[in-house]
Amino acid sequence: MPNAPRIELHPISQRVQAHVDGTLIADSINTLELREHGYPSRHYFSREDVRMDLLTVSETTTYCPFKGRAVYFSLGEMQDIAWSYEQPIEGIEAMAGRVAFYEENQ
């Protein structure tokens, strides 16, 4: 598809959960699924559906020209298990403040 967008956001209303090392860390029926060419789909959870009390902000940040600057979160000794785009670039503002995890169980 020559003109297909690189990134697409899709609202998901089915239950999605994220477990980290056996701990349920997020549970939602209202995620945004980000589909990015060349990468696995990721679910972005609203912070209200994430156990933010278990996460600490990491020193790690990254920058993606298609999404913006990401901040990372750790869970105890497990570093950078989640990330968020606090101020995503134009066109994907709906992702702002949502949290994604490397390990998801649906």
C-alpha atoms as a PDB file:
ATOM      1  CA  MET A   1       0.000   0.000   0.000  1.00  0.00           C
ATOM      2  CA  PRO A   2       2.002   2.982  -1.216  1.00  0.00           C
ATOM      3  CA  ASN A   3      -0.030   5.686   0.577  1.00  0.00           C
ATOM      4  CA  ALA A   4      -0.885   3.774   3.741  1.00  0.00           C
ATOM      5  CA  PRO A   5      -0.265   5.780   6.920  1.00  0.00           C
ATOM      6  CA  ARG A   6       2.752   4.730   8.950  1.00  0.00           C
ATOM      7  CA  ILE A   7       0.773   4.905  12.217  1.00  0.00           C
ATOM      8  CA  GLU A   8      -2.889   4.145  12.821  1.00  0.00           C
ATOM      9  CA  LEU A   9      -4.837   4.375  16.086  1.00  0.00           C
ATOM     10  CA  HIS A  10      -7.826   2.107  16.655  1.00  0.00           C
ATOM     11  CA  PRO A  11     -10.121   2.271  19.700  1.00  0.00           C
ATOM     12  CA  ILE A  12     -10.576  -1.185  21.240  1.00  0.00           C
ATOM     13  CA  SER A  13     -13.611  -1.911  23.414  1.00  0.00           C
ATOM     14  CA  GLN A  14     -12.801  -5.530  24.290  1.00  0.00           C
ATOM     15  CA  ARG A  15     -11.005  -6.276  27.554  1.00  0.00           C
ATOM     16  CA  VAL A  16      -7.218  -5.948  27.363  1.00  0.00           C
ATOM     17  CA  GLN A  17      -4.956  -6.699  30.297  1.00  0.00           C
ATOM     18  CA  ALA A  18      -1.252  -6.211  30.900  1.00  0.00           C
ATOM     19  CA  HIS A  19       0.544  -8.517  33.322  1.00  0.00           C
ATOM     20  CA  VAL A  20       4.118  -7.937  34.381  1.00  0.00           C
ATOM     21  CA  ASP A  21       5.873 -10.826  36.085  1.00  0.00           C
ATOM     22  CA  GLY A  22       2.496 -12.298  37.039  1.00  0.00           C
ATOM     23  CA  THR A  23       1.060  -9.042  38.417  1.00  0.00           C
ATOM     24  CA  LEU A  24      -2.014  -7.533  36.788  1.00  0.00           C
ATOM     25  CA  ILE A  25      -0.867  -3.988  36.112  1.00  0.00           C
ATOM     26  CA  ALA A  26      -3.548  -2.769  33.681  1.00  0.00           C
ATOM     27  CA  ASP A  27      -7.099  -3.822  32.878  1.00  0.00           C
ATOM     28  CA  SER A  28      -9.268  -1.924  30.417  1.00  0.00           C
ATOM     29  CA  ILE A  29     -12.166  -2.080  27.993  1.00  0.00           C
ATOM     30  CA  ASN A  30     -11.062   1.217  26.453  1.00  0.00           C
ATOM     31  CA  THR A  31      -7.561   1.024  24.954  1.00  0.00           C
ATOM     32  CA  LEU A  32      -6.106   2.583  21.843  1.00  0.00           C
ATOM     33  CA  GLU A  33      -4.330   0.098  19.642  1.00  0.00           C
ATOM     34  CA  LEU A  34      -1.405   1.657  17.825  1.00  0.00           C
ATOM     35  CA  ARG A  35      -0.450  -0.050  14.591  1.00  0.00           C
ATOM     36  CA  GLU A  36       2.896   1.059  13.218  1.00  0.00           C
ATOM     37  CA  HIS A  37       4.443  -0.283  10.042  1.00  0.00           C
ATOM     38  CA  GLY A  38       7.237  -2.723  10.893  1.00  0.00           C
ATOM     39  CA  TYR A  39       6.387  -3.048  14.618  1.00  0.00           C
ATOM     40  CA  PRO A  40       3.993  -5.178  16.664  1.00  0.00           C
ATOM     41  CA  SER A  41       0.657  -3.575  17.572  1.00  0.00           C
ATOM     42  CA  ARG A  42       0.577  -2.054  21.053  1.00  0.00           C
ATOM     43  CA  HIS A  43      -2.312  -1.229  23.343  1.00  0.00           C
ATOM     44  CA  TYR A  44      -2.202   2.144  25.063  1.00  0.00           C
ATOM     45  CA  PHE A  45      -4.097   2.207  28.351  1.00  0.00           C
ATOM     46  CA  SER A  46      -5.705   5.202  29.996  1.00  0.00           C
ATOM     47  CA  ARG A  47      -3.887   5.903  33.267  1.00  0.00           C
ATOM     48  CA  GLU A  48      -7.128   5.342  35.168  1.00  0.00           C
ATOM     49  CA  ASP A  49      -6.891   1.691  34.084  1.00  0.00           C
ATOM     50  CA  VAL A  50      -3.224   1.276  35.095  1.00  0.00           C
ATOM     51  CA  ARG A  51      -1.808   0.583  38.552  1.00  0.00           C
ATOM     52  CA  MET A  52       0.272   3.764  38.394  1.00  0.00           C
ATOM     53  CA  ASP A  53       0.898   3.405  42.148  1.00  0.00           C
ATOM     54  CA  LEU A  54       3.173   0.457  41.321  1.00  0.00           C
ATOM     55  CA  LEU A  55       5.183   2.283  38.644  1.00  0.00           C
ATOM     56  CA  THR A  56       8.020   4.743  39.020  1.00  0.00           C
ATOM     57  CA  VAL A  57       9.247   7.138  36.355  1.00  0.00           C
ATOM     58  CA  SER A  58      12.536   6.004  34.849  1.00  0.00           C
ATOM     59  CA  GLU A  59      15.382   8.232  33.706  1.00  0.00           C
ATOM     60  CA  THR A  60      15.010   6.748  30.206  1.00  0.00           C
ATOM     61  CA  THR A  61      13.514   8.837  27.413  1.00  0.00           C
ATOM     62  CA  THR A  62      13.445   8.203  23.686  1.00  0.00           C
ATOM     63  CA  TYR A  63      12.314  10.164  20.660  1.00  0.00           C
ATOM     64  CA  CYS A  64      10.360   8.885  17.668  1.00  0.00           C
ATOM     65  CA  PRO A  65       9.798  11.250  14.723  1.00  0.00           C
ATOM     66  CA  PHE A  66       6.365   9.644  14.187  1.00  0.00           C
ATOM     67  CA  LYS A  67       5.133   9.775  17.795  1.00  0.00           C
ATOM     68  CA  GLY A  68       7.261  12.204  19.806  1.00  0.00           C
ATOM     69  CA  ARG A  69       9.213  11.880  23.066  1.00  0.00           C
ATOM     70  CA  ALA A  70       8.488   8.890  25.290  1.00  0.00           C
ATOM     71  CA  VAL A  71       8.984   8.651  29.033  1.00  0.00           C
ATOM     72  CA  TYR A  72       9.448   5.233  30.636  1.00  0.00           C
ATOM     73  CA  PHE A  73       8.293   3.537  33.811  1.00  0.00           C
ATOM     74  CA  SER A  74       9.790   0.794  35.946  1.00  0.00           C
ATOM     75  CA  LEU A  75       8.216  -1.737  38.297  1.00  0.00           C
ATOM     76  CA  GLY A  76      10.530  -2.470  41.201  1.00  0.00           C
ATOM     77  CA  GLU A  77      13.776  -3.885  39.793  1.00  0.00           C
ATOM     78  CA  MET A  78      12.263  -4.308  36.313  1.00  0.00           C
ATOM     79  CA  GLN A  79      13.420  -1.273  34.358  1.00  0.00           C
ATOM     80  CA  ASP A  80      11.522   0.397  31.514  1.00  0.00           C
ATOM     81  CA  ILE A  81       8.591  -2.014  31.314  1.00  0.00           C
ATOM     82  CA  ALA A  82       6.159   0.669  30.132  1.00  0.00           C
ATOM     83  CA  TRP A  83       6.202   3.976  28.304  1.00  0.00           C
ATOM     84  CA  SER A  84       4.023   6.970  27.534  1.00  0.00           C
ATOM     85  CA  TYR A  85       3.996   9.846  25.063  1.00  0.00           C
ATOM     86  CA  GLU A  86       3.057  12.808  27.239  1.00  0.00           C
ATOM     87  CA  GLN A  87       2.865  15.236  24.300  1.00  0.00           C
ATOM     88  CA  PRO A  88       2.650  13.203  21.094  1.00  0.00           C
ATOM     89  CA  ILE A  89       3.093  14.849  17.726  1.00  0.00           C
ATOM     90  CA  GLU A  90       0.228  16.329  15.744  1.00  0.00           C
ATOM     91  CA  GLY A  91      -2.246  13.786  14.440  1.00  0.00           C
ATOM     92  CA  ILE A  92      -1.951  11.297  17.298  1.00  0.00           C
ATOM     93  CA  GLU A  93      -2.856  13.526  20.232  1.00  0.00           C
ATOM     94  CA  ALA A  94      -5.298  10.852  21.469  1.00  0.00           C
ATOM     95  CA  MET A  95      -2.269   8.898  22.778  1.00  0.00           C
ATOM     96  CA  ALA A  96      -1.294  11.669  25.198  1.00  0.00           C
ATOM     97  CA  GLY A  97      -0.605  10.300  28.665  1.00  0.00           C
ATOM     98  CA  ARG A  98      -1.651   6.748  27.815  1.00  0.00           C
ATOM     99  CA  VAL A  99       0.623   3.908  28.904  1.00  0.00           C
ATOM    100  CA  ALA A 100       1.846   0.908  26.875  1.00  0.00           C
ATOM    101  CA  PHE A 101       3.621  -2.214  28.112  1.00  0.00           C
ATOM    102  CA  TYR A 102       6.081  -4.623  26.553  1.00  0.00           C
ATOM    103  CA  GLU A 103       4.263  -7.615  28.026  1.00  0.00           C
ATOM    104  CA  GLU A 104       0.543  -7.881  27.396  1.00  0.00           C
ATOM    105  CA  ASN A 105      -1.886 -10.716  27.945  1.00  0.00           C
ATOM    106  CA  GLN A 106      -5.281 -10.426  26.361  1.00  0.00           C
END
